[in-house]
Amino acid sequence: MSRDFIEAGLGWKYDAARVMRAIRDRETLAAVACDVRSSPTARGAVNGFAILEFGEERAHLVLLAVRPSHRRSGIASACWSG
């Protein structure tokens, strides 16, 4: 997904290395929404994702993005609610 969709209107802070560090962190959850019902050429395409950090008494949504063509379809809610 384009960085323009992920950090729209913000300075780019989450490069690939920083996202990988977040995913590898034991207190972080990465949820990815992939297309499984479309044509074989689009199957597996990432349509949205969320990165969340958890602690004993906190939860923090670090990044959330949904492909514009799939917005308003419940992907963000599903990533957040698990």
PDB file of N, CA and C in Angstrom:
ATOM      1  N   MET A   1       0.832  -1.162   0.000  1.00  0.00           N
ATOM      2  CA  MET A   1       0.000   0.000   0.000  1.00  0.00           C
ATOM      3  C   MET A   1       0.886   1.237   0.000  1.00  0.00           C
ATOM      4  N   SER A   2       0.478   2.250  -0.686  1.00  0.00           N
ATOM      5  CA  SER A   2       1.272   3.470  -0.798  1.00  0.00           C
ATOM      6  C   SER A   2       1.400   4.184   0.546  1.00  0.00           C
ATOM      7  N   ARG A   3       2.576   4.735   0.796  1.00  0.00           N
ATOM      8  CA  ARG A   3       2.771   5.513   2.018  1.00  0.00           C
ATOM      9  C   ARG A   3       1.836   6.713   2.029  1.00  0.00           C
ATOM     10  N   ASP A   4       1.378   7.167   0.863  1.00  0.00           N
ATOM     11  CA  ASP A   4       0.439   8.285   0.806  1.00  0.00           C
ATOM     12  C   ASP A   4      -0.880   7.932   1.492  1.00  0.00           C
ATOM     13  N   PHE A   5      -1.281   6.659   1.443  1.00  0.00           N
ATOM     14  CA  PHE A   5      -2.519   6.230   2.093  1.00  0.00           C
ATOM     15  C   PHE A   5      -2.327   6.093   3.597  1.00  0.00           C
ATOM     16  N   ILE A   6      -1.130   5.727   4.001  1.00  0.00           N
ATOM     17  CA  ILE A   6      -0.875   5.377   5.393  1.00  0.00           C
ATOM     18  C   ILE A   6      -0.650   6.601   6.262  1.00  0.00           C
ATOM     19  N   GLU A   7       0.162   7.531   5.807  1.00  0.00           N
ATOM     20  CA  GLU A   7       0.480   8.713   6.607  1.00  0.00           C
ATOM     21  C   GLU A   7       0.060   9.977   5.865  1.00  0.00           C
ATOM     22  N   ALA A   8      -1.166   9.967   5.333  1.00  0.00           N
ATOM     23  CA  ALA A   8      -1.672  11.093   4.559  1.00  0.00           C
ATOM     24  C   ALA A   8      -1.649  12.376   5.391  1.00  0.00           C
ATOM     25  N   GLY A   9      -1.037  13.409   4.845  1.00  0.00           N
ATOM     26  CA  GLY A   9      -0.991  14.700   5.508  1.00  0.00           C
ATOM     27  C   GLY A   9       0.047  14.804   6.604  1.00  0.00           C
ATOM     28  N   LEU A  10       0.805  13.755   6.844  1.00  0.00           N
ATOM     29  CA  LEU A  10       1.823  13.746   7.884  1.00  0.00           C
ATOM     30  C   LEU A  10       3.194  13.552   7.259  1.00  0.00           C
ATOM     31  N   GLY A  11       4.210  13.885   7.997  1.00  0.00           N
ATOM     32  CA  GLY A  11       5.556  13.549   7.551  1.00  0.00           C
ATOM     33  C   GLY A  11       5.732  12.041   7.633  1.00  0.00           C
ATOM     34  N   TRP A  12       6.442  11.460   6.717  1.00  0.00           N
ATOM     35  CA  TRP A  12       6.624  10.012   6.706  1.00  0.00           C
ATOM     36  C   TRP A  12       7.568   9.604   7.821  1.00  0.00           C
ATOM     37  N   LYS A  13       7.049   8.866   8.787  1.00  0.00           N
ATOM     38  CA  LYS A  13       7.854   8.416   9.919  1.00  0.00           C
ATOM     39  C   LYS A  13       8.011   6.908   9.954  1.00  0.00           C
ATOM     40  N   TYR A  14       7.123   6.188   9.317  1.00  0.00           N
ATOM     41  CA  TYR A  14       7.142   4.728   9.399  1.00  0.00           C
ATOM     42  C   TYR A  14       7.676   4.132   8.104  1.00  0.00           C
ATOM     43  N   ASP A  15       9.001   4.005   8.037  1.00  0.00           N
ATOM     44  CA  ASP A  15       9.603   3.334   6.896  1.00  0.00           C
ATOM     45  C   ASP A  15       9.529   1.824   7.136  1.00  0.00           C
ATOM     46  N   ALA A  16       9.960   1.043   6.170  1.00  0.00           N
ATOM     47  CA  ALA A  16       9.849  -0.424   6.271  1.00  0.00           C
ATOM     48  C   ALA A  16      10.563  -0.971   7.499  1.00  0.00           C
ATOM     49  N   ALA A  17      11.731  -0.435   7.818  1.00  0.00           N
ATOM     50  CA  ALA A  17      12.484  -0.928   8.972  1.00  0.00           C
ATOM     51  C   ALA A  17      11.737  -0.663  10.276  1.00  0.00           C
ATOM     52  N   ARG A  18      11.128   0.502  10.390  1.00  0.00           N
ATOM     53  CA  ARG A  18      10.397   0.824  11.621  1.00  0.00           C
ATOM     54  C   ARG A  18       9.145  -0.043  11.761  1.00  0.00           C
ATOM     55  N   VAL A  19       8.465  -0.309  10.668  1.00  0.00           N
ATOM     56  CA  VAL A  19       7.292  -1.189  10.708  1.00  0.00           C
ATOM     57  C   VAL A  19       7.725  -2.595  11.109  1.00  0.00           C
ATOM     58  N   MET A  20       8.825  -3.087  10.569  1.00  0.00           N
ATOM     59  CA  MET A  20       9.297  -4.428  10.931  1.00  0.00           C
ATOM     60  C   MET A  20       9.677  -4.499  12.410  1.00  0.00           C
ATOM     61  N   ARG A  21      10.296  -3.460  12.947  1.00  0.00           N
ATOM     62  CA  ARG A  21      10.609  -3.445  14.384  1.00  0.00           C
ATOM     63  C   ARG A  21       9.331  -3.514  15.212  1.00  0.00           C
ATOM     64  N   ALA A  22       8.309  -2.787  14.787  1.00  0.00           N
ATOM     65  CA  ALA A  22       7.037  -2.814  15.510  1.00  0.00           C
ATOM     66  C   ALA A  22       6.407  -4.201  15.446  1.00  0.00           C
ATOM     67  N   ILE A  23       6.438  -4.829  14.287  1.00  0.00           N
ATOM     68  CA  ILE A  23       5.838  -6.163  14.133  1.00  0.00           C
ATOM     69  C   ILE A  23       6.568  -7.181  14.993  1.00  0.00           C
ATOM     70  N   ARG A  24       7.873  -7.056  15.113  1.00  0.00           N
ATOM     71  CA  ARG A  24       8.666  -8.026  15.886  1.00  0.00           C
ATOM     72  C   ARG A  24       8.578  -7.808  17.398  1.00  0.00           C
ATOM     73  N   ASP A  25       8.109  -6.650  17.821  1.00  0.00           N
ATOM     74  CA  ASP A  25       8.007  -6.344  19.243  1.00  0.00           C
ATOM     75  C   ASP A  25       6.962  -7.260  19.892  1.00  0.00           C
ATOM     76  N   ARG A  26       7.293  -7.813  21.043  1.00  0.00           N
ATOM     77  CA  ARG A  26       6.403  -8.755  21.731  1.00  0.00           C
ATOM     78  C   ARG A  26       5.093  -8.118  22.195  1.00  0.00           C
ATOM     79  N   GLU A  27       5.077  -6.812  22.343  1.00  0.00           N
ATOM     80  CA  GLU A  27       3.866  -6.136  22.800  1.00  0.00           C
ATOM     81  C   GLU A  27       3.095  -5.494  21.653  1.00  0.00           C
ATOM     82  N   THR A  28       3.356  -5.949  20.448  1.00  0.00           N
ATOM     83  CA  THR A  28       2.716  -5.382  19.269  1.00  0.00           C
ATOM     84  C   THR A  28       1.949  -6.450  18.510  1.00  0.00           C
ATOM     85  N   LEU A  29       0.803  -6.058  17.964  1.00  0.00           N
ATOM     86  CA  LEU A  29      -0.009  -6.941  17.123  1.00  0.00           C
ATOM     87  C   LEU A  29      -0.161  -6.278  15.765  1.00  0.00           C
ATOM     88  N   ALA A  30       0.056  -7.035  14.718  1.00  0.00           N
ATOM     89  CA  ALA A  30      -0.185  -6.539  13.364  1.00  0.00           C
ATOM     90  C   ALA A  30      -1.327  -7.357  12.768  1.00  0.00           C
ATOM     91  N   ALA A  31      -2.368  -6.687  12.333  1.00  0.00           N
ATOM     92  CA  ALA A  31      -3.511  -7.335  11.685  1.00  0.00           C
ATOM     93  C   ALA A  31      -3.539  -6.880  10.231  1.00  0.00           C
ATOM     94  N   VAL A  32      -3.685  -7.831   9.313  1.00  0.00           N
ATOM     95  CA  VAL A  32      -3.668  -7.522   7.881  1.00  0.00           C
ATOM     96  C   VAL A  32      -4.927  -8.069   7.237  1.00  0.00           C
ATOM     97  N   ALA A  33      -5.587  -7.254   6.427  1.00  0.00           N
ATOM     98  CA  ALA A  33      -6.785  -7.665   5.695  1.00  0.00           C
ATOM     99  C   ALA A  33      -6.392  -7.904   4.239  1.00  0.00           C
ATOM    100  N   CYS A  34      -6.478  -9.158   3.818  1.00  0.00           N
ATOM    101  CA  CYS A  34      -6.127  -9.532   2.443  1.00  0.00           C
ATOM    102  C   CYS A  34      -7.365  -9.931   1.666  1.00  0.00           C
ATOM    103  N   ASP A  35      -7.313  -9.737   0.378  1.00  0.00           N
ATOM    104  CA  ASP A  35      -8.420 -10.081  -0.506  1.00  0.00           C
ATOM    105  C   ASP A  35      -8.359 -11.566  -0.836  1.00  0.00           C
ATOM    106  N   VAL A  36      -9.393 -12.309  -0.478  1.00  0.00           N
ATOM    107  CA  VAL A  36      -9.417 -13.746  -0.761  1.00  0.00           C
ATOM    108  C   VAL A  36     -10.573 -14.141  -1.678  1.00  0.00           C
ATOM    109  N   ARG A  37     -11.465 -13.225  -1.985  1.00  0.00           N
ATOM    110  CA  ARG A  37     -12.643 -13.586  -2.773  1.00  0.00           C
ATOM    111  C   ARG A  37     -12.662 -12.997  -4.170  1.00  0.00           C
ATOM    112  N   SER A  38     -11.621 -12.320  -4.580  1.00  0.00           N
ATOM    113  CA  SER A  38     -11.642 -11.677  -5.893  1.00  0.00           C
ATOM    114  C   SER A  38     -10.954 -12.549  -6.934  1.00  0.00           C
ATOM    115  N   SER A  39     -10.644 -11.953  -8.050  1.00  0.00           N
ATOM    116  CA  SER A  39     -10.005 -12.684  -9.132  1.00  0.00           C
ATOM    117  C   SER A  39      -8.642 -13.225  -8.692  1.00  0.00           C
ATOM    118  N   PRO A  40      -8.166 -14.277  -9.345  1.00  0.00           N
ATOM    119  CA  PRO A  40      -6.865 -14.851  -8.974  1.00  0.00           C
ATOM    120  C   PRO A  40      -5.717 -13.852  -9.026  1.00  0.00           C
ATOM    121  N   THR A  41      -5.792 -12.854  -9.897  1.00  0.00           N
ATOM    122  CA  THR A  41      -4.701 -11.880  -9.977  1.00  0.00           C
ATOM    123  C   THR A  41      -4.707 -10.917  -8.800  1.00  0.00           C
ATOM    124  N   ALA A  42      -5.868 -10.672  -8.197  1.00  0.00           N
ATOM    125  CA  ALA A  42      -5.961  -9.755  -7.055  1.00  0.00           C
ATOM    126  C   ALA A  42      -5.944 -10.495  -5.726  1.00  0.00           C
ATOM    127  N   ARG A  43      -6.115 -11.796  -5.753  1.00  0.00           N
ATOM    128  CA  ARG A  43      -6.173 -12.575  -4.513  1.00  0.00           C
ATOM    129  C   ARG A  43      -4.903 -12.390  -3.699  1.00  0.00           C
ATOM    130  N   GLY A  44      -5.053 -12.133  -2.423  1.00  0.00           N
ATOM    131  CA  GLY A  44      -3.912 -11.940  -1.546  1.00  0.00           C
ATOM    132  C   GLY A  44      -3.457 -10.495  -1.437  1.00  0.00           C
ATOM    133  N   ALA A  45      -4.061  -9.589  -2.192  1.00  0.00           N
ATOM    134  CA  ALA A  45      -3.687  -8.180  -2.120  1.00  0.00           C
ATOM    135  C   ALA A  45      -4.027  -7.630  -0.739  1.00  0.00           C
ATOM    136  N   VAL A  46      -3.152  -6.819  -0.191  1.00  0.00           N
ATOM    137  CA  VAL A  46      -3.393  -6.193   1.107  1.00  0.00           C
ATOM    138  C   VAL A  46      -4.352  -5.023   0.902  1.00  0.00           C
ATOM    139  N   ASN A  47      -5.505  -5.082   1.578  1.00  0.00           N
ATOM    140  CA  ASN A  47      -6.494  -4.012   1.471  1.00  0.00           C
ATOM    141  C   ASN A  47      -6.548  -3.143   2.717  1.00  0.00           C
ATOM    142  N   GLY A  48      -5.904  -3.583   3.779  1.00  0.00           N
ATOM    143  CA  GLY A  48      -5.866  -2.785   4.994  1.00  0.00           C
ATOM    144  C   GLY A  48      -4.979  -3.441   6.029  1.00  0.00           C
ATOM    145  N   PHE A  49      -4.557  -2.647   7.011  1.00  0.00           N
ATOM    146  CA  PHE A  49      -3.777  -3.221   8.100  1.00  0.00           C
ATOM    147  C   PHE A  49      -3.835  -2.302   9.313  1.00  0.00           C
ATOM    148  N   ALA A  50      -3.526  -2.871  10.458  1.00  0.00           N
ATOM    149  CA  ALA A  50      -3.429  -2.107  11.702  1.00  0.00           C
ATOM    150  C   ALA A  50      -2.235  -2.631  12.481  1.00  0.00           C
ATOM    151  N   ILE A  51      -1.524  -1.738  13.136  1.00  0.00           N
ATOM    152  CA  ILE A  51      -0.457  -2.113  14.059  1.00  0.00           C
ATOM    153  C   ILE A  51      -0.848  -1.533  15.413  1.00  0.00           C
ATOM    154  N   LEU A  52      -0.950  -2.411  16.410  1.00  0.00           N
ATOM    155  CA  LEU A  52      -1.379  -2.018  17.748  1.00  0.00           C
ATOM    156  C   LEU A  52      -0.343  -2.442  18.767  1.00  0.00           C
ATOM    157  N   GLU A  53      -0.102  -1.585  19.754  1.00  0.00           N
ATOM    158  CA  GLU A  53       0.807  -1.911  20.850  1.00  0.00           C
ATOM    159  C   GLU A  53      -0.018  -2.152  22.107  1.00  0.00           C
ATOM    160  N   PHE A  54       0.366  -3.170  22.866  1.00  0.00           N
ATOM    161  CA  PHE A  54      -0.338  -3.509  24.093  1.00  0.00           C
ATOM    162  C   PHE A  54       0.635  -3.547  25.259  1.00  0.00           C
ATOM    163  N   GLY A  55       0.183  -3.101  26.383  1.00  0.00           N
ATOM    164  CA  GLY A  55       0.922  -3.214  27.630  1.00  0.00           C
ATOM    165  C   GLY A  55      -0.028  -3.757  28.677  1.00  0.00           C
ATOM    166  N   GLU A  56       0.402  -3.786  29.915  1.00  0.00           N
ATOM    167  CA  GLU A  56      -0.458  -4.316  30.970  1.00  0.00           C
ATOM    168  C   GLU A  56      -1.726  -3.496  31.150  1.00  0.00           C
ATOM    169  N   GLU A  57      -1.612  -2.184  31.017  1.00  0.00           N
ATOM    170  CA  GLU A  57      -2.773  -1.331  31.250  1.00  0.00           C
ATOM    171  C   GLU A  57      -3.024  -0.336  30.121  1.00  0.00           C
ATOM    172  N   ARG A  58      -2.528  -0.645  28.951  1.00  0.00           N
ATOM    173  CA  ARG A  58      -2.713   0.293  27.850  1.00  0.00           C
ATOM    174  C   ARG A  58      -2.818  -0.441  26.523  1.00  0.00           C
ATOM    175  N   ALA A  59      -3.414   0.241  25.590  1.00  0.00           N
ATOM    176  CA  ALA A  59      -3.435  -0.207  24.196  1.00  0.00           C
ATOM    177  C   ALA A  59      -3.305   1.048  23.343  1.00  0.00           C
ATOM    178  N   HIS A  60      -2.545   0.938  22.251  1.00  0.00           N
ATOM    179  CA  HIS A  60      -2.301   2.097  21.409  1.00  0.00           C
ATOM    180  C   HIS A  60      -2.348   1.678  19.946  1.00  0.00           C
ATOM    181  N   LEU A  61      -3.165   2.354  19.173  1.00  0.00           N
ATOM    182  CA  LEU A  61      -3.219   2.130  17.737  1.00  0.00           C
ATOM    183  C   LEU A  61      -2.090   2.923  17.108  1.00  0.00           C
ATOM    184  N   VAL A  62      -1.087   2.228  16.584  1.00  0.00           N
ATOM    185  CA  VAL A  62       0.098   2.873  16.029  1.00  0.00           C
ATOM    186  C   VAL A  62      -0.144   3.323  14.596  1.00  0.00           C
ATOM    187  N   LEU A  63      -0.589   2.417  13.754  1.00  0.00           N
ATOM    188  CA  LEU A  63      -0.881   2.719  12.350  1.00  0.00           C
ATOM    189  C   LEU A  63      -2.154   1.995  11.936  1.00  0.00           C
ATOM    190  N   LEU A  64      -2.921   2.635  11.087  1.00  0.00           N
ATOM    191  CA  LEU A  64      -4.124   2.034  10.518  1.00  0.00           C
ATOM    192  C   LEU A  64      -4.271   2.576   9.113  1.00  0.00           C
ATOM    193  N   ALA A  65      -4.440   1.688   8.156  1.00  0.00           N
ATOM    194  CA  ALA A  65      -4.629   2.128   6.770  1.00  0.00           C
ATOM    195  C   ALA A  65      -5.556   1.162   6.053  1.00  0.00           C
ATOM    196  N   VAL A  66      -6.388   1.717   5.171  1.00  0.00           N
ATOM    197  CA  VAL A  66      -7.273   0.925   4.324  1.00  0.00           C
ATOM    198  C   VAL A  66      -7.177   1.492   2.916  1.00  0.00           C
ATOM    199  N   ARG A  67      -7.025   0.597   1.958  1.00  0.00           N
ATOM    200  CA  ARG A  67      -6.959   1.015   0.549  1.00  0.00           C
ATOM    201  C   ARG A  67      -8.221   1.835   0.224  1.00  0.00           C
ATOM    202  N   PRO A  68      -8.084   2.978  -0.453  1.00  0.00           N
ATOM    203  CA  PRO A  68      -9.253   3.827  -0.730  1.00  0.00           C
ATOM    204  C   PRO A  68     -10.420   3.085  -1.384  1.00  0.00           C
ATOM    205  N   SER A  69     -10.148   2.161  -2.261  1.00  0.00           N
ATOM    206  CA  SER A  69     -11.227   1.427  -2.940  1.00  0.00           C
ATOM    207  C   SER A  69     -11.988   0.490  -2.007  1.00  0.00           C
ATOM    208  N   HIS A  70     -11.458   0.256  -0.797  1.00  0.00           N
ATOM    209  CA  HIS A  70     -12.103  -0.658   0.143  1.00  0.00           C
ATOM    210  C   HIS A  70     -12.559   0.029   1.428  1.00  0.00           C
ATOM    211  N   ARG A  71     -12.476   1.326   1.462  1.00  0.00           N
ATOM    212  CA  ARG A  71     -12.903   2.052   2.655  1.00  0.00           C
ATOM    213  C   ARG A  71     -14.418   1.966   2.814  1.00  0.00           C
ATOM    214  N   ARG A  72     -14.872   2.127   4.056  1.00  0.00           N
ATOM    215  CA  ARG A  72     -16.286   2.079   4.421  1.00  0.00           C
ATOM    216  C   ARG A  72     -16.869   0.677   4.240  1.00  0.00           C
ATOM    217  N   SER A  73     -16.011  -0.335   4.296  1.00  0.00           N
ATOM    218  CA  SER A  73     -16.484  -1.719   4.156  1.00  0.00           C
ATOM    219  C   SER A  73     -16.253  -2.535   5.428  1.00  0.00           C
ATOM    220  N   GLY A  74     -15.795  -1.899   6.501  1.00  0.00           N
ATOM    221  CA  GLY A  74     -15.618  -2.592   7.766  1.00  0.00           C
ATOM    222  C   GLY A  74     -14.225  -3.153   8.007  1.00  0.00           C
ATOM    223  N   ILE A  75     -13.288  -2.918   7.098  1.00  0.00           N
ATOM    224  CA  ILE A  75     -11.938  -3.463   7.249  1.00  0.00           C
ATOM    225  C   ILE A  75     -11.257  -2.886   8.482  1.00  0.00           C
ATOM    226  N   ALA A  76     -11.310  -1.582   8.670  1.00  0.00           N
ATOM    227  CA  ALA A  76     -10.646  -0.957   9.825  1.00  0.00           C
ATOM    228  C   ALA A  76     -11.239  -1.492  11.136  1.00  0.00           C
ATOM    229  N   SER A  77     -12.552  -1.601  11.189  1.00  0.00           N
ATOM    230  CA  SER A  77     -13.190  -2.128  12.404  1.00  0.00           C
ATOM    231  C   SER A  77     -12.755  -3.556  12.680  1.00  0.00           C
ATOM    232  N   ALA A  78     -12.668  -4.350  11.641  1.00  0.00           N
ATOM    233  CA  ALA A  78     -12.256  -5.743  11.816  1.00  0.00           C
ATOM    234  C   ALA A  78     -10.801  -5.838  12.273  1.00  0.00           C
ATOM    235  N   CYS A  79      -9.923  -4.992  11.745  1.00  0.00           N
ATOM    236  CA  CYS A  79      -8.523  -4.993  12.190  1.00  0.00           C
ATOM    237  C   CYS A  79      -8.412  -4.580  13.645  1.00  0.00           C
ATOM    238  N   TRP A  80      -9.210  -3.602  14.031  1.00  0.00           N
ATOM    239  CA  TRP A  80      -9.134  -3.085  15.391  1.00  0.00           C
ATOM    240  C   TRP A  80      -9.737  -4.057  16.400  1.00  0.00           C
ATOM    241  N   SER A  81     -10.854  -4.657  16.055  1.00  0.00           N
ATOM    242  CA  SER A  81     -11.553  -5.517  17.028  1.00  0.00           C
ATOM    243  C   SER A  81     -11.023  -6.932  17.043  1.00  0.00           C
ATOM    244  N   GLY A  82     -10.269  -7.296  16.012  1.00  0.00           N
ATOM    245  CA  GLY A  82      -9.655  -8.623  15.973  1.00  0.00           C
ATOM    246  C   GLY A  82     -10.685  -9.666  15.844  1.00  0.00           C
TER     247      GLY A  82
END
